[in-house]
Amino acid sequence: MAFSGALTLTDLNDFITPSQACIKPVEQVNKEPEKQLGAAATEIHIDLGGSYYEILTPNSASIQPTASGSGKKLEQAQISLNDCLACSGCITSAESVLITLQSHTEVLNFLESNSSAEVAEDSTKIPTVSIAPQTLASLAASVSSRTGVPTTPRQILRRVRVFCESVLGFAHVFDTTFARHLALREHVQEFEERRAQAESSTGQLPMLASACPGWICYAEKAHAEILPFISRTKSPQQTMGTLVKNWMGQTWGKLPHEIYHVSVMPCYDKKLEASRTDFYNSVYSTRDVDCVITTGELELILKEKGWDLSSPVPGELDELPPHDWSKKPSSVSALTLPELIAHPGTSSGSYLHSIISHITATSADPLVLSVKAMRNSDYEEYVLRRESDQVDVFKGAKCYGFRNLQNVVRKKQAERGYDYVEVMACPGGCVNGGGQLKPLNAKWGDKEWTKKVEESYWTVEQRRDEADQLLGWVLDDLCTTDEGLGDRLFRTSYRAVESDIVGLAVKW
């Protein structure tokens, strides 16, 4: 049975790749524009080599012709990340988008110029890199699969740290789990604020997770009515940017613009997130995260430099010695910052489970958690009930993949079905991000491979007591002078991107 024409208009795939026509279509207007007096009369010509030239017509003398008489050669137009983020021509973006300032080549060029003898010592920046745990899990699964030797994210972190410091010249190499620890704390606090003010404009429920930039782009461009419900807490990537530029920089004696911060993420949309104007420091003319590369791009750098990630490095299995955080730290390094902090729940950040754990821990009555798969493992409901009278006290959901996102949006429009939803654009969550490594002869979204990366992700366990102690010092350093400073440092805002696309001009 053939599908109807309406059903074949769209690609039923969660992974949206840009096409040659990913720009907004131009509305054709038949009315001939009126000529303005004094306007330049020029034409655009294309030579045999494909170059564009602006040619004078007899009525204009505003442009001087070149020596060859061919006119003025026009420069090639480029699309920046900000242009892509502000465009409403598509819902989300992927690796094929023209990205000029967020690539592994840009990182290598900076590191080379930063260490050049021609650069004055007081002009050099401190290169710092932070790596997502999902990236470490992907690399560990890839090495384990290729060599047959079980390799953990902890081993990968130590090997990548040695590579980044000894070969590339990075001064500091961290993972982002401590930043996630802080983001989860802020996330829970925001949920409590919303629940306490459920009837006000600032307390709107359900609260929707905000760590996925693909989901944020989709909401801003397609469902502006959802924006008030999205959590304002920064993602771990941007929280890490705040820590590196504002807190660690203080301990290093450096201002924000004197640090170059690279983030390694499992997702291409993280590049767009780092480029948002909300995360730009206008005082020091710098971004919280200067450049984002994906797991795959990190692997490209390793290959270009001839580094074998399967080769062990000294001390890669050693536990970090316990650090006494009863005293305020004078400086922060990879040897002192808690690493690979485990947060029980999901491999996409455990946002839902952090709220469930908080409600359970603060409840005066014993609560019982029930989990129900709605369609598949990417869409599950979580309900907390009082054990005494079986009354629901909390209802949440885990929702991964754009197909399931549509269900959440429809349910939100019909009724308030949930108190909280952990939303991620990729099926399988962040371990299956578009920037992750893929096994040989496998496609993006391979469930068996995603399962292996997921298993690798959970091979690390780390106590959180030290992280809690250090967290107190961080907040004490950053938020004591101004009560509203914490809100500005760890929260953000969203805005609707209005679409001016003419429906009849869209290419189906």
Protein backbone atom coordinates (compact mmCIF):
# COMPACT_ATOMS: atom_id res chain seq x y z
CA MET A 1 0.00 0.00 0.00
CA ALA A 2 1.49 3.34 -1.05
CA PHE A 3 1.80 6.21 1.40
CA SER A 4 -0.12 9.38 0.78
CA GLY A 5 1.67 12.43 -0.50
CA ALA A 6 1.34 14.16 2.85
CA LEU A 7 3.14 11.35 4.64
CA THR A 8 6.11 11.43 2.31
CA LEU A 9 6.78 15.13 2.73
CA THR A 10 9.07 14.64 5.70
CA ASP A 11 11.90 12.34 6.70
CA LEU A 12 10.80 10.22 9.66
CA ASN A 13 14.21 10.17 11.26
CA ASP A 14 15.31 11.57 14.61
CA PHE A 15 18.66 12.67 13.20
CA ILE A 16 18.20 15.81 11.13
CA THR A 17 21.01 16.57 8.71
CA PRO A 18 21.13 19.84 6.78
CA SER A 19 20.51 19.70 3.06
CA GLN A 20 21.70 21.97 0.27
CA ALA A 21 18.48 23.95 0.79
CA CYS A 22 18.81 24.40 4.55
CA ILE A 23 18.59 28.18 4.27
CA LYS A 24 15.31 30.01 4.56
CA PRO A 25 13.56 30.21 1.17
CA VAL A 26 13.24 33.63 -0.36
CA GLU A 27 9.78 35.00 -0.97
CA GLN A 28 9.42 36.14 -4.55
CA VAL A 29 7.77 39.52 -4.95
CA ASN A 30 6.51 40.37 -8.44
CA LYS A 31 6.35 44.09 -7.83
CA GLU A 32 9.30 45.80 -9.47
CA PRO A 33 11.19 47.84 -6.88
CA GLU A 34 11.38 51.55 -7.42
CA LYS A 35 14.79 52.89 -8.35
CA GLN A 36 16.24 55.32 -5.86
CA LEU A 37 18.03 58.40 -7.08
CA GLY A 38 21.77 58.08 -6.69
CA ALA A 39 21.67 54.32 -6.26
CA ALA A 40 24.59 52.39 -7.71
CA ALA A 41 23.80 50.60 -10.96
CA THR A 42 25.82 47.38 -10.94
CA GLU A 43 25.51 43.79 -12.07
CA ILE A 44 26.92 40.54 -10.70
CA HIS A 45 28.86 38.40 -13.19
CA ILE A 46 30.32 34.91 -12.69
CA ASP A 47 33.54 33.98 -14.47
CA LEU A 48 34.57 30.53 -15.71
CA GLY A 49 36.25 29.75 -12.39
CA GLY A 50 33.08 30.35 -10.41
CA SER A 51 34.19 33.69 -8.91
CA TYR A 52 31.68 36.51 -8.49
CA TYR A 53 32.40 40.03 -9.78
CA GLU A 54 30.49 43.27 -9.38
CA ILE A 55 30.42 44.96 -12.78
CA LEU A 56 29.63 48.61 -13.39
CA THR A 57 26.84 49.54 -15.72
CA PRO A 58 27.24 52.67 -17.85
CA ASN A 59 25.15 54.72 -15.42
CA SER A 60 27.38 54.16 -12.39
CA ALA A 61 30.87 55.26 -11.49
CA SER A 62 30.82 54.41 -7.80
CA ILE A 63 33.05 51.33 -8.14
CA GLN A 64 36.47 51.53 -9.68
CA PRO A 65 37.15 48.70 -12.13
CA THR A 66 40.16 46.47 -11.60
CA ALA A 67 43.25 46.66 -13.78
CA SER A 68 41.95 43.82 -15.90
CA GLY A 69 38.65 45.59 -16.35
CA SER A 70 36.74 42.65 -14.89
CA GLY A 71 35.19 44.59 -12.01
CA LYS A 72 35.38 44.12 -8.25
CA LYS A 73 35.76 40.53 -7.04
CA LEU A 74 33.30 39.70 -4.27
CA GLU A 75 34.35 37.78 -1.18
CA GLN A 76 32.71 34.46 -0.40
CA ALA A 77 29.90 34.70 2.13
CA GLN A 78 30.30 32.68 5.31
CA ILE A 79 27.77 31.43 7.84
CA SER A 80 28.87 31.79 11.44
CA LEU A 81 27.55 29.84 14.40
CA ASN A 82 25.57 32.86 15.56
CA ASP A 83 23.92 33.09 12.13
CA CYS A 84 22.95 29.44 12.31
CA LEU A 85 21.63 29.73 15.84
CA ALA A 86 19.51 32.80 15.01
CA CYS A 87 18.08 31.29 11.82
CA SER A 88 14.61 29.78 11.91
CA GLY A 89 15.03 27.93 8.64
CA CYS A 90 15.47 24.54 10.31
CA ILE A 91 14.77 22.99 13.71
CA THR A 92 18.25 21.85 14.71
CA SER A 93 21.74 21.58 13.30
CA ALA A 94 24.26 18.82 12.76
CA GLU A 95 27.85 18.27 11.70
CA SER A 96 27.37 19.34 8.08
CA VAL A 97 26.52 22.93 9.03
CA LEU A 98 29.19 25.43 8.00
CA ILE A 99 31.11 25.84 11.25
CA THR A 100 34.09 28.13 11.04
CA LEU A 101 35.04 28.88 14.64
CA GLN A 102 34.33 25.59 16.43
CA SER A 103 36.59 22.84 15.11
CA HIS A 104 39.64 20.79 16.03
CA THR A 105 41.60 22.74 13.42
CA GLU A 106 40.83 25.97 15.27
CA VAL A 107 42.08 24.40 18.51
CA LEU A 108 45.35 23.28 16.92
CA ASN A 109 45.85 26.69 15.29
CA PHE A 110 45.34 28.45 18.61
CA LEU A 111 47.72 26.16 20.48
CA GLU A 112 50.39 26.69 17.83
CA SER A 113 50.03 30.48 17.85
CA ASN A 114 49.77 30.64 21.65
CA SER A 115 53.12 28.88 22.08
CA SER A 116 54.83 30.78 19.27
CA ALA A 117 58.01 32.63 20.13
CA GLU A 118 56.57 35.71 18.44
CA VAL A 119 53.82 36.00 21.08
CA ALA A 120 54.75 38.09 24.10
CA GLU A 121 54.71 36.16 27.37
CA ASP A 122 52.09 38.46 28.89
CA SER A 123 49.84 37.90 25.85
CA THR A 124 49.68 34.12 26.05
CA LYS A 125 46.58 32.45 27.42
CA ILE A 126 46.23 29.44 29.71
CA PRO A 127 44.85 26.61 27.54
CA THR A 128 42.37 24.48 29.49
CA VAL A 129 40.26 21.56 28.32
CA SER A 130 37.24 19.93 29.96
CA ILE A 131 35.92 16.56 28.80
CA ALA A 132 32.39 15.19 29.14
CA PRO A 133 32.03 11.75 30.78
CA GLN A 134 30.01 10.55 27.77
CA THR A 135 33.03 11.32 25.58
CA LEU A 136 35.29 9.31 27.88
CA ALA A 137 32.81 6.42 27.80
CA SER A 138 32.70 6.47 23.99
CA LEU A 139 36.50 6.46 23.73
CA ALA A 140 36.75 3.68 26.33
CA ALA A 141 34.19 1.53 24.50
CA SER A 142 36.00 2.10 21.21
CA VAL A 143 39.41 1.12 22.62
CA SER A 144 37.93 -1.92 24.39
CA SER A 145 36.17 -3.06 21.21
CA ARG A 146 39.24 -2.54 19.03
CA THR A 147 41.84 -4.15 21.31
CA GLY A 148 39.78 -6.67 23.26
CA VAL A 149 41.26 -5.24 26.48
CA PRO A 150 38.68 -3.77 28.91
CA THR A 151 39.37 -0.05 29.27
CA THR A 152 37.58 2.32 31.65
CA PRO A 153 36.76 6.03 31.33
CA ARG A 154 39.22 6.69 34.18
CA GLN A 155 42.06 5.17 32.15
CA ILE A 156 41.00 7.15 29.08
CA LEU A 157 40.93 10.40 31.09
CA ARG A 158 44.48 9.81 32.34
CA ARG A 159 45.75 8.95 28.85
CA VAL A 160 44.05 11.94 27.23
CA ARG A 161 45.40 14.19 30.00
CA VAL A 162 48.97 13.05 29.33
CA PHE A 163 48.44 13.60 25.59
CA CYS A 164 46.90 17.05 25.97
CA GLU A 165 49.59 18.26 28.38
CA SER A 166 52.70 16.69 26.83
CA VAL A 167 51.84 16.85 23.13
CA LEU A 168 49.33 19.68 22.67
CA GLY A 169 50.50 21.96 25.48
CA PHE A 170 47.34 22.26 27.57
CA ALA A 171 47.96 23.50 31.10
CA HIS A 172 44.89 21.90 32.68
CA VAL A 173 42.74 18.90 31.73
CA PHE A 174 39.51 18.22 33.66
CA ASP A 175 36.36 16.20 33.25
CA THR A 176 33.02 17.98 33.62
CA THR A 177 31.44 15.89 36.39
CA PHE A 178 32.20 18.41 39.15
CA ALA A 179 30.49 21.09 37.06
CA ARG A 180 27.57 18.69 36.62
CA HIS A 181 27.52 18.19 40.39
CA LEU A 182 27.06 21.94 40.79
CA ALA A 183 24.49 22.12 37.96
CA LEU A 184 22.41 19.34 39.54
CA ARG A 185 22.39 21.17 42.86
CA GLU A 186 21.18 24.34 41.13
CA HIS A 187 18.67 22.29 39.13
CA VAL A 188 17.09 20.83 42.26
CA GLN A 189 16.98 24.26 43.88
CA GLU A 190 15.19 25.73 40.86
CA PHE A 191 12.64 22.89 40.93
CA GLU A 192 11.90 23.59 44.59
CA GLU A 193 11.47 27.29 43.80
CA ARG A 194 9.01 26.49 41.01
CA ARG A 195 7.09 24.01 43.13
CA ALA A 196 6.81 26.51 45.99
CA GLN A 197 5.44 29.12 43.56
CA ALA A 198 3.47 26.79 41.31
CA GLU A 199 0.72 29.32 40.68
CA SER A 200 3.01 32.24 39.79
CA SER A 201 4.65 33.03 36.47
CA THR A 202 8.07 32.07 37.85
CA GLY A 203 6.87 28.77 39.24
CA GLN A 204 5.50 27.12 36.14
CA LEU A 205 5.40 23.33 36.12
CA PRO A 206 6.23 20.91 34.66
CA MET A 207 9.87 21.87 34.62
CA LEU A 208 11.70 20.62 31.54
CA ALA A 209 15.42 19.82 31.46
CA SER A 210 17.67 22.35 29.74
CA ALA A 211 21.03 20.58 29.26
CA CYS A 212 20.35 19.50 25.65
CA PRO A 213 21.01 22.32 23.14
CA GLY A 214 19.25 20.41 20.35
CA TRP A 215 16.07 20.42 22.45
CA ILE A 216 16.53 24.12 23.28
CA CYS A 217 16.92 25.05 19.59
CA TYR A 218 13.81 23.04 18.76
CA ALA A 219 11.76 24.70 21.51
CA GLU A 220 12.91 28.22 20.62
CA LYS A 221 12.11 27.77 16.93
CA ALA A 222 9.02 25.56 17.00
CA HIS A 223 7.32 25.82 20.41
CA ALA A 224 7.80 29.22 22.01
CA GLU A 225 4.93 28.48 24.39
CA ILE A 226 7.13 25.82 26.05
CA LEU A 227 10.01 28.19 26.94
CA PRO A 228 8.68 29.33 30.36
CA PHE A 229 8.68 25.71 31.49
CA ILE A 230 12.30 24.99 30.54
CA SER A 231 14.78 25.03 33.40
CA ARG A 232 17.00 28.11 33.47
CA THR A 233 19.92 26.23 35.01
CA LYS A 234 23.02 26.16 32.82
CA SER A 235 24.20 22.86 31.37
CA PRO A 236 27.35 21.20 32.79
CA GLN A 237 29.32 22.50 29.80
CA GLN A 238 28.42 26.12 30.50
CA THR A 239 28.67 25.65 34.26
CA MET A 240 32.21 24.39 33.68
CA GLY A 241 32.84 27.48 31.58
CA THR A 242 31.75 29.64 34.51
CA LEU A 243 34.01 27.71 36.89
CA VAL A 244 37.04 27.87 34.60
CA LYS A 245 36.76 31.54 33.67
CA ASN A 246 35.45 32.96 36.96
CA TRP A 247 36.54 30.67 39.79
CA MET A 248 39.61 28.73 38.68
CA GLY A 249 40.92 31.84 36.97
CA GLN A 250 40.90 33.62 40.32
CA THR A 251 43.05 30.91 41.90
CA TRP A 252 45.41 31.04 38.91
CA GLY A 253 45.66 34.82 39.04
CA LYS A 254 44.14 35.16 35.56
CA LEU A 255 41.25 37.18 34.17
CA PRO A 256 38.59 35.45 32.02
CA HIS A 257 40.05 36.63 28.70
CA GLU A 258 43.47 35.24 29.69
CA ILE A 259 42.16 31.67 29.61
CA TYR A 260 41.36 29.62 26.49
CA HIS A 261 38.75 27.01 27.39
CA VAL A 262 38.08 24.03 25.12
CA SER A 263 35.21 21.64 25.78
CA VAL A 264 35.00 18.08 24.38
CA MET A 265 31.40 16.97 24.02
CA PRO A 266 29.36 14.08 22.55
CA CYS A 267 27.12 16.46 20.61
CA TYR A 268 27.58 18.89 17.71
CA ASP A 269 24.85 21.18 19.00
CA LYS A 270 27.09 21.95 21.98
CA LYS A 271 29.03 24.17 19.56
CA LEU A 272 25.90 26.27 19.07
CA GLU A 273 25.27 26.37 22.80
CA ALA A 274 28.73 27.79 23.50
CA SER A 275 28.12 30.47 20.85
CA ARG A 276 24.95 31.85 22.46
CA THR A 277 25.22 35.52 23.36
CA ASP A 278 24.04 34.66 26.89
CA PHE A 279 27.40 33.01 27.51
CA TYR A 280 29.52 35.91 26.29
CA ASN A 281 31.33 38.14 28.80
CA SER A 282 31.13 41.62 27.29
CA VAL A 283 33.37 43.10 30.01
CA TYR A 284 36.33 40.92 29.05
CA SER A 285 35.22 40.16 25.47
CA THR A 286 35.38 36.40 25.92
CA ARG A 287 33.09 33.39 25.96
CA ASP A 288 32.72 30.97 28.86
CA VAL A 289 33.68 28.20 26.43
CA ASP A 290 35.94 29.38 23.62
CA CYS A 291 35.75 26.28 21.43
CA VAL A 292 33.82 23.01 21.43
CA ILE A 293 35.01 19.87 19.69
CA THR A 294 33.28 16.50 19.56
CA THR A 295 34.49 13.07 20.59
CA GLY A 296 35.16 12.29 16.94
CA GLU A 297 37.20 15.46 16.49
CA LEU A 298 39.32 14.59 19.54
CA GLU A 299 40.00 11.23 17.94
CA LEU A 300 41.08 13.05 14.75
CA ILE A 301 43.59 15.09 16.76
CA LEU A 302 44.93 11.90 18.37
CA LYS A 303 45.40 10.31 14.94
CA GLU A 304 46.99 13.42 13.43
CA LYS A 305 49.53 13.50 16.25
CA GLY A 306 50.18 9.75 16.06
CA TRP A 307 49.01 9.04 19.62
CA ASP A 308 47.78 5.52 20.39
CA LEU A 309 45.00 5.79 22.96
CA SER A 310 45.21 2.05 23.67
CA SER A 311 48.71 2.44 25.15
CA PRO A 312 48.72 2.69 28.98
CA VAL A 313 50.32 5.62 30.81
CA PRO A 314 51.94 5.53 34.27
CA GLY A 315 49.50 5.85 37.16
CA GLU A 316 46.35 5.56 35.06
CA LEU A 317 44.72 3.19 37.57
CA ASP A 318 45.68 5.17 40.66
CA GLU A 319 42.98 6.79 42.76
CA LEU A 320 43.42 10.47 43.52
CA PRO A 321 44.57 10.91 47.13
CA PRO A 322 41.85 12.28 49.44
CA HIS A 323 41.99 16.05 49.68
CA ASP A 324 41.18 18.04 52.78
CA TRP A 325 38.63 20.64 51.71
CA SER A 326 38.04 21.87 55.25
CA LYS A 327 40.29 24.77 54.28
CA LYS A 328 39.75 27.11 51.37
CA PRO A 329 41.79 26.01 48.32
CA SER A 330 44.53 28.36 47.20
CA SER A 331 44.66 26.89 43.70
CA VAL A 332 42.88 24.25 41.63
CA SER A 333 44.39 21.62 39.34
CA ALA A 334 43.53 18.22 37.93
CA LEU A 335 45.24 16.66 40.95
CA THR A 336 42.90 18.36 43.41
CA LEU A 337 39.55 18.76 41.65
CA PRO A 338 37.29 15.71 42.24
CA GLU A 339 37.11 13.70 39.04
CA LEU A 340 34.55 11.35 37.47
CA ILE A 341 31.87 11.91 40.10
CA ALA A 342 29.10 9.36 39.59
CA HIS A 343 25.48 10.51 39.71
CA PRO A 344 23.03 7.56 39.82
CA GLY A 345 20.24 7.71 37.29
CA THR A 346 20.78 8.16 33.57
CA SER A 347 23.89 8.58 31.45
CA SER A 348 22.51 11.91 30.21
CA GLY A 349 23.11 13.76 33.47
CA SER A 350 20.69 12.18 35.97
CA TYR A 351 18.54 15.32 36.18
CA LEU A 352 15.31 13.46 36.84
CA HIS A 353 16.90 11.14 39.39
CA SER A 354 18.52 14.02 41.26
CA ILE A 355 15.06 15.50 41.83
CA ILE A 356 13.61 12.12 42.78
CA SER A 357 16.46 11.58 45.27
CA HIS A 358 15.91 15.04 46.74
CA ILE A 359 12.15 14.54 47.18
CA THR A 360 12.69 11.11 48.72
CA ALA A 361 15.36 12.38 51.12
CA THR A 362 13.30 15.37 52.29
CA SER A 363 9.92 13.65 52.56
CA ALA A 364 8.52 13.10 56.05
CA ASP A 365 6.72 9.96 54.85
CA PRO A 366 8.20 6.87 53.16
CA LEU A 367 7.81 7.03 49.38
CA VAL A 368 7.65 4.26 46.79
CA LEU A 369 9.01 4.74 43.25
CA SER A 370 7.37 3.02 40.28
CA VAL A 371 8.73 3.11 36.72
CA LYS A 372 6.64 2.46 33.62
CA ALA A 373 7.86 2.26 30.01
CA MET A 374 5.41 4.21 27.87
CA ARG A 375 6.63 3.28 24.38
CA ASN A 376 10.19 2.07 24.83
CA SER A 377 13.23 2.67 27.02
CA ASP A 378 13.47 6.23 25.64
CA TYR A 379 10.10 7.21 27.12
CA GLU A 380 9.50 6.20 30.72
CA GLU A 381 7.30 7.53 33.51
CA TYR A 382 8.47 7.80 37.13
CA VAL A 383 5.91 8.13 39.92
CA LEU A 384 6.59 8.68 43.64
CA ARG A 385 3.73 7.61 45.92
CA ARG A 386 3.28 7.84 49.66
CA GLU A 387 3.47 4.35 51.04
CA SER A 388 0.75 5.02 53.62
CA ASP A 389 -2.13 6.16 51.38
CA GLN A 390 -0.77 5.58 47.82
CA VAL A 391 -1.16 9.27 46.92
CA ASP A 392 1.07 10.51 44.09
CA VAL A 393 3.49 13.18 45.33
CA PHE A 394 5.61 13.44 42.17
CA LYS A 395 5.26 12.41 38.55
CA GLY A 396 8.13 12.70 36.10
CA ALA A 397 9.31 11.31 32.80
CA LYS A 398 12.44 10.52 30.84
CA CYS A 399 11.97 11.47 27.20
CA TYR A 400 14.69 10.95 24.58
CA GLY A 401 14.41 11.45 20.81
CA PHE A 402 12.39 13.95 18.75
CA ARG A 403 9.53 11.52 18.20
CA ASN A 404 8.97 11.30 21.94
CA LEU A 405 9.47 15.06 22.33
CA GLN A 406 6.36 15.61 20.23
CA ASN A 407 4.39 13.46 22.66
CA VAL A 408 5.62 15.52 25.60
CA VAL A 409 4.69 18.78 23.85
CA ARG A 410 1.20 17.50 23.06
CA LYS A 411 0.71 16.23 26.60
CA LYS A 412 1.87 19.57 28.01
CA GLN A 413 -0.59 21.43 25.80
CA ALA A 414 -3.47 19.17 26.86
CA GLU A 415 -2.81 19.00 30.59
CA ARG A 416 -0.09 19.16 33.17
CA GLY A 417 0.73 15.47 33.26
CA TYR A 418 4.17 15.71 34.84
CA ASP A 419 6.05 17.70 37.44
CA TYR A 420 9.36 17.23 35.66
CA VAL A 421 10.64 15.84 32.33
CA GLU A 422 14.25 14.96 31.50
CA VAL A 423 14.39 15.85 27.81
CA MET A 424 17.14 14.90 25.35
CA ALA A 425 16.99 15.18 21.56
CA CYS A 426 19.01 12.05 20.76
CA PRO A 427 17.47 8.57 21.04
CA GLY A 428 19.40 6.77 23.75
CA GLY A 429 20.49 10.05 25.32
CA CYS A 430 23.88 11.73 25.37
CA VAL A 431 25.93 8.52 25.07
CA ASN A 432 24.42 8.29 21.57
CA GLY A 433 25.16 11.89 20.60
CA GLY A 434 25.90 12.72 16.98
CA GLY A 435 29.52 13.56 17.82
CA GLN A 436 30.31 10.21 19.42
CA LEU A 437 32.54 7.52 17.91
CA LYS A 438 30.88 4.87 15.80
CA PRO A 439 32.01 1.25 15.40
CA LEU A 440 33.13 -0.02 12.02
CA ASN A 441 30.27 -0.75 9.60
CA ALA A 442 27.69 0.67 12.01
CA LYS A 443 25.34 3.60 11.60
CA TRP A 444 24.55 6.39 14.02
CA GLY A 445 21.95 5.17 16.46
CA ASP A 446 23.10 1.52 16.57
CA LYS A 447 21.40 0.24 19.74
CA GLU A 448 23.92 -2.50 20.50
CA TRP A 449 26.80 -0.06 20.29
CA THR A 450 24.95 2.50 22.38
CA LYS A 451 24.46 -0.20 25.01
CA LYS A 452 28.22 -0.83 25.12
CA VAL A 453 28.95 2.87 25.58
CA GLU A 454 26.30 2.98 28.31
CA GLU A 455 27.96 0.06 30.12
CA SER A 456 31.33 1.78 29.85
CA TYR A 457 29.85 4.97 31.29
CA TRP A 458 28.83 3.22 34.52
CA THR A 459 32.18 1.53 35.22
CA VAL A 460 33.36 4.47 37.33
CA GLU A 461 32.25 5.11 40.89
CA GLN A 462 33.45 8.07 42.93
CA ARG A 463 32.54 9.37 46.38
CA ARG A 464 30.71 12.68 46.38
CA ASP A 465 31.59 13.85 49.89
CA GLU A 466 34.70 15.73 48.72
CA ALA A 467 32.71 17.30 45.89
CA ASP A 468 30.12 18.57 48.38
CA GLN A 469 32.84 20.11 50.56
CA LEU A 470 34.49 21.86 47.61
CA LEU A 471 31.11 23.05 46.34
CA GLY A 472 30.71 25.13 49.48
CA TRP A 473 33.97 26.95 48.81
CA VAL A 474 33.03 27.59 45.18
CA LEU A 475 29.72 29.18 46.09
CA ASP A 476 31.37 31.10 48.91
CA ASP A 477 33.93 32.55 46.49
CA LEU A 478 31.50 33.40 43.69
CA CYS A 479 28.25 34.38 45.37
CA THR A 480 28.98 36.12 48.68
CA THR A 481 29.13 39.74 47.54
CA ASP A 482 25.87 39.84 45.60
CA GLU A 483 22.73 37.83 46.34
CA GLY A 484 21.74 37.81 42.67
CA LEU A 485 25.20 36.89 41.39
CA GLY A 486 24.56 33.16 41.67
CA ASP A 487 21.51 33.50 39.44
CA ARG A 488 23.55 35.32 36.80
CA LEU A 489 26.44 32.84 36.99
CA PHE A 490 24.55 29.56 36.94
CA ARG A 491 21.29 30.34 35.15
CA THR A 492 20.38 31.56 31.70
CA SER A 493 17.33 32.55 29.63
CA TYR A 494 15.67 31.63 26.34
CA ARG A 495 13.95 33.54 23.60
CA ALA A 496 11.63 32.58 20.78
CA VAL A 497 13.08 32.67 17.28
CA GLU A 498 10.30 34.01 15.09
CA SER A 499 9.98 32.36 11.71
CA ASP A 500 9.32 34.47 8.63
CA ILE A 501 9.32 31.58 6.19
CA VAL A 502 6.64 31.69 3.53
CA GLY A 503 4.98 28.28 3.41
CA LEU A 504 4.49 28.28 -0.36
CA ALA A 505 8.21 28.89 -0.88
CA VAL A 506 9.35 25.81 1.04
CA LYS A 507 10.87 23.06 -1.10
CA TRP A 508 9.16 19.78 -0.25
